Protein backbone atom coordinates (compact mmCIF):
# COMPACT_ATOMS: atom_id res chain seq x y z
CA MET A 1 -1.18 -42.82 72.40
CA THR A 2 -0.04 -39.17 72.02
CA ALA A 3 -0.52 -38.41 75.74
CA GLU A 4 2.54 -40.46 76.76
CA LEU A 5 4.73 -39.47 73.84
CA LEU A 6 7.09 -36.50 74.01
CA PHE A 7 7.17 -35.06 70.51
CA GLN A 8 10.04 -32.91 69.34
CA ARG A 9 9.84 -30.78 66.23
CA LEU A 10 11.78 -32.05 63.23
CA PRO A 11 14.24 -29.44 61.91
CA VAL A 12 12.42 -28.85 58.63
CA GLU A 13 13.62 -25.60 57.01
CA PRO A 14 10.69 -24.40 54.88
CA ASP A 15 12.81 -21.66 53.27
CA ALA A 16 15.20 -24.36 52.01
CA GLY A 17 12.38 -25.65 49.83
CA LEU A 18 11.25 -29.13 48.97
CA PRO A 19 12.51 -31.77 48.50
CA GLN A 20 14.63 -31.71 51.64
CA VAL A 21 16.90 -34.22 53.38
CA PHE A 22 18.30 -33.98 56.91
CA ARG A 23 19.64 -36.09 59.76
CA CYS A 24 18.10 -35.75 63.21
CA PRO A 25 18.78 -37.51 66.50
CA VAL A 26 15.76 -38.89 68.31
CA GLY A 27 16.88 -40.09 71.70
CA GLU A 28 20.30 -41.64 71.28
CA THR A 29 19.83 -42.69 67.65
CA ALA A 30 20.21 -40.53 64.55
CA TYR A 31 17.72 -41.01 61.70
CA ASP A 32 17.76 -39.79 58.11
CA PHE A 33 14.64 -37.94 57.00
CA ALA A 34 13.64 -37.08 53.42
CA LEU A 35 10.62 -34.87 52.80
CA TYR A 36 9.01 -33.94 49.52
CA ALA A 37 5.69 -32.70 48.20
CA ASN A 38 3.63 -34.66 45.73
CA PHE A 39 1.97 -31.68 44.14
CA ASP A 40 -0.43 -30.92 41.33
CA GLY A 41 -0.70 -27.13 41.39
CA GLY A 42 -0.64 -24.29 38.93
CA ALA A 43 2.76 -23.86 37.27
CA ASP A 44 1.86 -20.22 36.58
CA ASP A 45 0.96 -19.38 40.20
CA PRO A 46 3.12 -16.65 41.76
CA PRO A 47 5.87 -17.91 44.12
CA GLU A 48 4.07 -16.54 47.21
CA THR A 49 0.91 -18.57 46.52
CA LEU A 50 0.32 -20.73 49.61
CA TYR A 51 -1.19 -24.21 49.47
CA ASP A 52 -2.53 -25.92 52.58
CA LEU A 53 -1.61 -29.55 51.98
CA ALA A 54 -3.28 -30.58 55.23
CA ALA A 55 -6.62 -28.82 54.58
CA TYR A 56 -8.48 -31.94 53.47
CA ALA A 57 -7.89 -33.68 56.79
CA VAL A 58 -8.66 -30.78 59.11
CA ALA A 59 -11.33 -28.81 57.23
CA PRO A 60 -14.95 -29.27 58.33
CA ARG A 61 -16.66 -31.74 56.06
CA PRO A 62 -19.53 -30.28 54.04
CA LYS A 63 -22.65 -32.37 53.56
CA ASP A 64 -21.78 -32.84 49.90
CA PRO A 65 -18.19 -34.20 49.66
CA ALA A 66 -18.14 -33.37 45.94
CA SER A 67 -18.35 -29.64 46.80
CA ARG A 68 -15.09 -29.78 48.76
CA PRO A 69 -12.00 -29.54 46.60
CA PRO A 70 -9.13 -31.78 47.68
CA PRO A 71 -5.79 -30.18 48.51
CA PRO A 72 -3.43 -29.78 45.55
CA GLY A 73 -1.05 -32.37 46.97
CA HIS A 74 0.46 -33.87 50.07
CA LEU A 75 3.76 -34.33 51.87
CA VAL A 76 5.65 -37.60 51.72
CA LEU A 77 8.15 -38.52 54.43
CA ARG A 78 10.85 -41.15 54.26
CA VAL A 79 12.65 -42.19 57.47
CA ALA A 80 15.72 -44.42 57.49
CA GLY A 81 17.36 -45.76 60.63
CA PRO A 82 20.13 -48.14 61.58
CA GLY A 83 19.67 -51.78 60.71
CA PRO A 84 21.77 -54.91 61.20
CA ASP A 85 23.24 -54.61 57.68
CA GLY A 86 23.25 -50.82 57.33
CA PRO A 87 20.51 -48.21 57.02
CA ARG A 88 16.99 -49.47 56.46
CA VAL A 89 13.79 -47.66 55.54
CA LEU A 90 11.41 -47.49 58.49
CA PHE A 91 8.76 -45.28 56.92
CA LEU A 92 7.83 -44.12 53.43
CA ARG A 93 4.37 -42.69 53.37
CA LYS A 94 2.03 -39.81 52.71
CA LEU A 95 1.58 -37.69 55.84
CA VAL A 96 -1.93 -36.88 56.97
CA ALA A 97 -2.72 -34.08 59.43
CA GLU A 98 -5.38 -35.29 61.83
CA PRO A 99 -5.25 -34.04 65.44
CA ASP A 100 -5.03 -37.53 66.99
CA LEU A 101 -3.36 -39.42 64.14
CA VAL A 102 0.12 -40.72 64.88
CA HIS A 103 2.06 -42.45 62.11
CA VAL A 104 4.23 -45.36 63.29
CA ALA A 105 7.76 -45.82 61.95
CA GLY A 106 9.38 -48.68 63.87
CA PRO A 107 10.53 -47.17 67.17
CA LEU A 108 9.30 -43.70 66.16
CA ALA A 109 5.96 -41.93 66.24
CA ILE A 110 5.37 -39.14 63.71
CA ARG A 111 2.67 -36.48 63.64
CA LEU A 112 2.05 -33.88 60.94
CA VAL A 113 0.85 -30.66 62.55
CA GLU A 114 0.97 -28.18 59.68
CA ALA A 115 1.77 -28.32 55.97
CA THR A 116 1.51 -24.96 54.24
CA VAL A 117 3.78 -24.83 51.22
CA ALA A 118 4.45 -21.83 48.99
CA ARG A 119 4.73 -22.34 45.24
CA GLY A 120 8.18 -20.72 45.36
CA ASN A 121 9.45 -23.39 47.77
CA LEU A 122 8.60 -26.26 45.45
CA ASN A 123 12.08 -27.02 44.10
CA GLY A 124 13.21 -23.55 45.16
CA LEU A 125 14.79 -21.59 47.98
CA GLY A 126 13.46 -18.42 49.57
CA HIS A 127 11.16 -16.93 52.17
CA TYR A 128 7.65 -17.22 50.73
CA GLY A 129 5.71 -18.13 53.87
CA SER A 130 5.90 -21.93 53.84
CA ARG A 131 5.32 -23.54 57.22
CA ILE A 132 5.88 -27.24 57.83
CA VAL A 133 5.60 -28.64 61.35
CA ILE A 134 6.23 -32.34 61.94
CA GLY A 135 6.66 -33.90 65.37
CA VAL A 136 8.64 -37.04 66.12
CA ALA A 137 8.88 -39.07 69.32
CA ARG A 138 10.33 -42.34 70.51
CA ARG A 139 7.64 -44.96 71.00
CA TRP A 140 9.71 -46.88 73.52
CA ALA A 141 13.05 -46.47 75.30
């Protein structure tokens, strides 16, 4: 499925922190995106502490799953697009980073590539090293 799709990078601004809301055109249609982290980390961690929210999906699986700690949280994406009676929600879901996994949101395809979030960017602004890469593509013309 990903071979035919032309993914563009969503304009996520990691230094703007999470949650984050932005409008982005995909093809000839503009969509509203809302991104937040569902997070259960240490409140006393320094702001530059980085958490890989995609590690669980991409890390090699040890023989004993109990020995692998889960990530401290995950990203949630909400996508709203035009509908016959106004905006409608097309997607509201936890994002999972798997190399070949494409999330479907009506006419859109979404792929989480990277989700590294700094403690300081959870409800805060600043350059702490967060990196969030999400691709979006039109599924059909």
